[in-house]
């Protein structure tokens, strides 16, 4: 069964969608207004449509901090190996 709200495919015919929780077996499940409301509610809950509301600035900076730390370690090793035991 393919969900009308999140387009996930599931082998189960009974019960709500495992991803978004929309009940396809309800009597007015194919009502376009209800489907649009469920899609808007699903978009508000997921990070795919609103990543800035759930990802902090520190989480965005972590990869760049790792790159800077790796570069600093690389430069430190290069200087240590080149100097013959003296760092400066």
N, C-alpha and C. Protein backbone atom coordinates (compact mmCIF):
# COMPACT_ATOMS: atom_id res chain seq x y z
N UNK A 1 0.85 -1.17 0.00
CA UNK A 1 0.00 0.00 0.00
C UNK A 1 0.90 1.23 0.00
N UNK A 2 0.55 2.21 -0.78
CA UNK A 2 1.30 3.46 -0.84
C UNK A 2 0.52 4.55 -0.11
N UNK A 3 1.19 5.21 0.84
CA UNK A 3 0.54 6.24 1.64
C UNK A 3 0.31 7.50 0.80
N UNK A 4 -0.85 8.10 0.95
CA UNK A 4 -1.17 9.31 0.21
C UNK A 4 -0.49 10.55 0.79
N UNK A 5 -0.05 10.48 2.03
CA UNK A 5 0.54 11.63 2.70
C UNK A 5 2.05 11.68 2.48
N UNK A 6 2.74 10.60 2.82
CA UNK A 6 4.21 10.62 2.77
C UNK A 6 4.79 9.80 1.62
N UNK A 7 3.97 9.13 0.86
CA UNK A 7 4.35 8.30 -0.30
C UNK A 7 5.22 7.11 0.08
N UNK A 8 5.17 6.68 1.32
CA UNK A 8 5.91 5.49 1.73
C UNK A 8 5.13 4.26 1.32
N UNK A 9 5.85 3.22 0.92
CA UNK A 9 5.22 1.98 0.51
C UNK A 9 5.34 0.98 1.64
N UNK A 10 4.23 0.37 1.99
CA UNK A 10 4.19 -0.58 3.08
C UNK A 10 3.42 -1.80 2.65
N UNK A 11 3.82 -2.96 3.13
CA UNK A 11 3.13 -4.20 2.79
C UNK A 11 1.86 -4.39 3.60
N UNK A 12 1.71 -3.64 4.68
CA UNK A 12 0.54 -3.78 5.54
C UNK A 12 -0.65 -3.04 4.95
N UNK A 13 -1.80 -3.67 4.97
CA UNK A 13 -3.01 -3.04 4.47
C UNK A 13 -3.81 -2.45 5.63
N UNK A 14 -3.69 -3.02 6.81
CA UNK A 14 -4.46 -2.55 7.95
C UNK A 14 -3.60 -1.66 8.85
N UNK A 15 -4.24 -0.73 9.50
CA UNK A 15 -3.55 0.13 10.45
C UNK A 15 -2.99 1.39 9.79
N UNK A 16 -2.47 2.27 10.61
CA UNK A 16 -1.93 3.52 10.08
C UNK A 16 -0.58 3.32 9.41
N UNK A 17 -0.16 4.32 8.68
CA UNK A 17 1.13 4.30 8.00
C UNK A 17 2.24 4.26 9.06
N UNK A 18 3.26 3.42 8.89
CA UNK A 18 4.32 3.34 9.88
C UNK A 18 5.20 4.59 9.92
N UNK A 19 5.22 5.36 8.85
CA UNK A 19 6.09 6.54 8.80
C UNK A 19 5.39 7.79 9.31
N UNK A 20 4.21 8.07 8.80
CA UNK A 20 3.53 9.33 9.16
C UNK A 20 2.35 9.14 10.08
N UNK A 21 1.84 7.92 10.20
CA UNK A 21 0.72 7.65 11.09
C UNK A 21 -0.65 7.95 10.51
N UNK A 22 -0.75 8.20 9.23
CA UNK A 22 -2.05 8.49 8.59
C UNK A 22 -2.82 7.19 8.40
N UNK A 23 -4.06 7.18 8.81
CA UNK A 23 -4.90 5.99 8.72
C UNK A 23 -5.60 5.96 7.37
N UNK A 24 -5.16 5.07 6.50
CA UNK A 24 -5.74 4.96 5.16
C UNK A 24 -7.07 4.21 5.17
N UNK A 25 -7.41 3.56 6.27
CA UNK A 25 -8.64 2.79 6.33
C UNK A 25 -9.81 3.58 6.89
N UNK A 26 -9.60 4.83 7.22
CA UNK A 26 -10.69 5.66 7.74
C UNK A 26 -11.70 5.91 6.63
N UNK A 27 -12.92 6.26 7.03
CA UNK A 27 -13.99 6.42 6.03
C UNK A 27 -13.78 7.63 5.12
N UNK A 28 -13.14 8.69 5.61
CA UNK A 28 -12.89 9.87 4.75
C UNK A 28 -11.39 10.04 4.51
N UNK A 29 -10.67 8.93 4.34
CA UNK A 29 -9.22 8.97 4.17
C UNK A 29 -8.81 9.60 2.84
N UNK A 30 -9.66 9.54 1.84
CA UNK A 30 -9.30 10.08 0.53
C UNK A 30 -9.82 11.49 0.30
N UNK A 31 -10.28 12.14 1.33
CA UNK A 31 -10.73 13.52 1.23
C UNK A 31 -9.52 14.42 0.99
N UNK A 32 -9.51 15.19 -0.12
CA UNK A 32 -8.33 16.00 -0.46
C UNK A 32 -7.94 17.02 0.62
N UNK A 33 -8.90 17.61 1.28
CA UNK A 33 -8.57 18.59 2.32
C UNK A 33 -7.92 17.91 3.52
N UNK A 34 -8.40 16.73 3.86
CA UNK A 34 -7.81 16.00 4.98
C UNK A 34 -6.39 15.53 4.63
N UNK A 35 -6.17 15.12 3.39
CA UNK A 35 -4.85 14.69 2.95
C UNK A 35 -3.88 15.86 2.99
N UNK A 36 -4.30 17.04 2.50
CA UNK A 36 -3.43 18.21 2.51
C UNK A 36 -3.09 18.64 3.94
N UNK A 37 -4.06 18.56 4.84
CA UNK A 37 -3.81 18.91 6.25
C UNK A 37 -2.82 17.92 6.87
N UNK A 38 -2.96 16.64 6.55
CA UNK A 38 -2.04 15.64 7.09
C UNK A 38 -0.64 15.82 6.51
N UNK A 39 -0.54 16.19 5.23
CA UNK A 39 0.78 16.46 4.63
C UNK A 39 1.45 17.65 5.29
N UNK A 40 0.70 18.71 5.56
CA UNK A 40 1.27 19.88 6.23
C UNK A 40 1.73 19.54 7.64
N UNK A 41 0.95 18.74 8.33
CA UNK A 41 1.33 18.32 9.68
C UNK A 41 2.57 17.43 9.63
N UNK A 42 2.67 16.55 8.65
CA UNK A 42 3.84 15.69 8.51
C UNK A 42 5.08 16.51 8.18
N UNK A 43 4.95 17.51 7.31
CA UNK A 43 6.08 18.39 6.98
C UNK A 43 6.58 19.15 8.20
N UNK A 44 5.67 19.59 9.03
CA UNK A 44 6.06 20.32 10.23
C UNK A 44 6.81 19.45 11.23
N UNK A 45 6.53 18.14 11.23
CA UNK A 45 7.17 17.23 12.18
C UNK A 45 8.53 16.74 11.73
N UNK A 46 8.80 16.72 10.45
CA UNK A 46 10.03 16.12 9.95
C UNK A 46 11.11 17.17 9.74
N UNK A 47 12.36 16.75 9.87
CA UNK A 47 13.48 17.66 9.69
C UNK A 47 13.82 17.88 8.22
N UNK A 48 13.29 17.06 7.33
CA UNK A 48 13.59 17.23 5.91
C UNK A 48 13.04 18.54 5.38
N UNK A 49 11.95 19.02 5.96
CA UNK A 49 11.32 20.24 5.47
C UNK A 49 11.65 21.46 6.34
N UNK A 50 12.21 21.25 7.53
CA UNK A 50 12.52 22.36 8.42
C UNK A 50 13.82 22.09 9.19
N UNK A 51 14.94 21.98 8.49
CA UNK A 51 16.17 21.62 9.20
C UNK A 51 16.67 22.71 10.13
N UNK A 52 16.40 23.97 9.85
CA UNK A 52 16.91 25.05 10.69
C UNK A 52 16.23 25.12 12.04
N UNK A 53 15.06 24.53 12.17
CA UNK A 53 14.36 24.58 13.44
C UNK A 53 14.87 23.54 14.42
N UNK A 54 15.57 22.52 13.94
CA UNK A 54 16.01 21.44 14.83
C UNK A 54 17.52 21.26 14.88
N UNK A 55 18.28 21.93 14.06
CA UNK A 55 19.72 21.78 14.01
C UNK A 55 20.35 23.04 14.60
N UNK A 56 21.16 22.87 15.63
CA UNK A 56 21.76 24.03 16.29
C UNK A 56 22.97 24.52 15.49
N UNK A 57 23.43 25.71 15.83
CA UNK A 57 24.60 26.29 15.15
C UNK A 57 25.85 25.47 15.45
N UNK A 58 25.94 24.93 16.66
CA UNK A 58 27.10 24.10 17.00
C UNK A 58 27.12 22.82 16.17
N UNK A 59 25.94 22.24 15.91
CA UNK A 59 25.87 21.05 15.07
C UNK A 59 26.32 21.35 13.64
N UNK A 60 26.02 22.54 13.16
CA UNK A 60 26.46 22.92 11.82
C UNK A 60 27.96 23.18 11.78
N UNK A 61 28.55 23.63 12.89
CA UNK A 61 29.97 23.97 12.93
C UNK A 61 30.86 22.75 13.19
N UNK A 62 30.33 21.66 13.69
CA UNK A 62 31.14 20.49 14.03
C UNK A 62 31.99 19.97 12.87
N UNK A 63 31.46 19.81 11.66
CA UNK A 63 32.33 19.32 10.58
C UNK A 63 33.48 20.27 10.27
N UNK A 64 33.24 21.56 10.32
CA UNK A 64 34.30 22.53 10.04
C UNK A 64 35.34 22.55 11.16
N UNK A 65 34.90 22.37 12.39
CA UNK A 65 35.85 22.27 13.50
C UNK A 65 36.72 21.04 13.36
N UNK A 66 36.16 19.95 12.88
CA UNK A 66 36.93 18.74 12.63
C UNK A 66 37.95 18.94 11.52
N UNK A 67 37.57 19.66 10.47
CA UNK A 67 38.51 19.95 9.39
C UNK A 67 39.66 20.81 9.90
N UNK A 68 39.34 21.83 10.68
CA UNK A 68 40.40 22.70 11.23
C UNK A 68 41.32 21.93 12.17
N UNK A 69 40.78 21.08 13.02
CA UNK A 69 41.59 20.29 13.92
C UNK A 69 42.49 19.33 13.14
N UNK A 70 41.95 18.69 12.12
CA UNK A 70 42.75 17.80 11.27
C UNK A 70 43.87 18.54 10.58
N UNK A 71 43.59 19.73 10.08
CA UNK A 71 44.63 20.52 9.42
C UNK A 71 45.71 20.94 10.41
N UNK A 72 45.31 21.34 11.63
CA UNK A 72 46.28 21.73 12.65
C UNK A 72 47.16 20.54 13.03
N UNK A 73 46.59 19.37 13.15
CA UNK A 73 47.38 18.18 13.47
C UNK A 73 48.33 17.84 12.32
N UNK A 74 47.88 18.00 11.10
CA UNK A 74 48.73 17.73 9.94
C UNK A 74 49.92 18.68 9.91
N UNK A 75 49.68 19.96 10.14
CA UNK A 75 50.76 20.94 10.16
C UNK A 75 51.72 20.64 11.31
N UNK A 76 51.21 20.28 12.47
CA UNK A 76 52.04 19.95 13.62
C UNK A 76 52.95 18.77 13.32
N UNK A 77 52.41 17.71 12.69
CA UNK A 77 53.22 16.54 12.36
C UNK A 77 54.25 16.89 11.30
N UNK A 78 53.89 17.69 10.32
CA UNK A 78 54.86 18.09 9.30
C UNK A 78 56.02 18.87 9.91
N UNK A 79 55.71 19.80 10.79
CA UNK A 79 56.76 20.60 11.42
C UNK A 79 57.62 19.74 12.34
N UNK A 80 57.00 18.80 13.06
CA UNK A 80 57.75 17.95 13.97
C UNK A 80 58.67 17.00 13.21
N UNK A 81 58.23 16.47 12.10
CA UNK A 81 59.06 15.54 11.33
C UNK A 81 60.16 16.26 10.57
N UNK A 82 59.92 17.46 10.14
CA UNK A 82 60.89 18.21 9.34
C UNK A 82 62.00 18.79 10.20
N UNK A 83 61.69 19.12 11.45
CA UNK A 83 62.65 19.86 12.27
C UNK A 83 63.68 18.96 12.93
N UNK A 84 63.56 17.67 12.88
CA UNK A 84 64.55 16.79 13.50
C UNK A 84 64.38 16.72 15.00
N UNK A 85 63.21 16.95 15.53
CA UNK A 85 62.96 16.83 16.95
C UNK A 85 62.60 18.15 17.60
N UNK A 86 62.89 19.26 16.96
CA UNK A 86 62.53 20.57 17.50
C UNK A 86 61.31 21.10 16.76
N UNK A 87 60.35 21.63 17.50
CA UNK A 87 59.12 22.06 16.87
C UNK A 87 59.26 23.41 16.19
N UNK A 88 60.16 24.26 16.64
CA UNK A 88 60.23 25.60 16.05
C UNK A 88 61.56 25.84 15.47
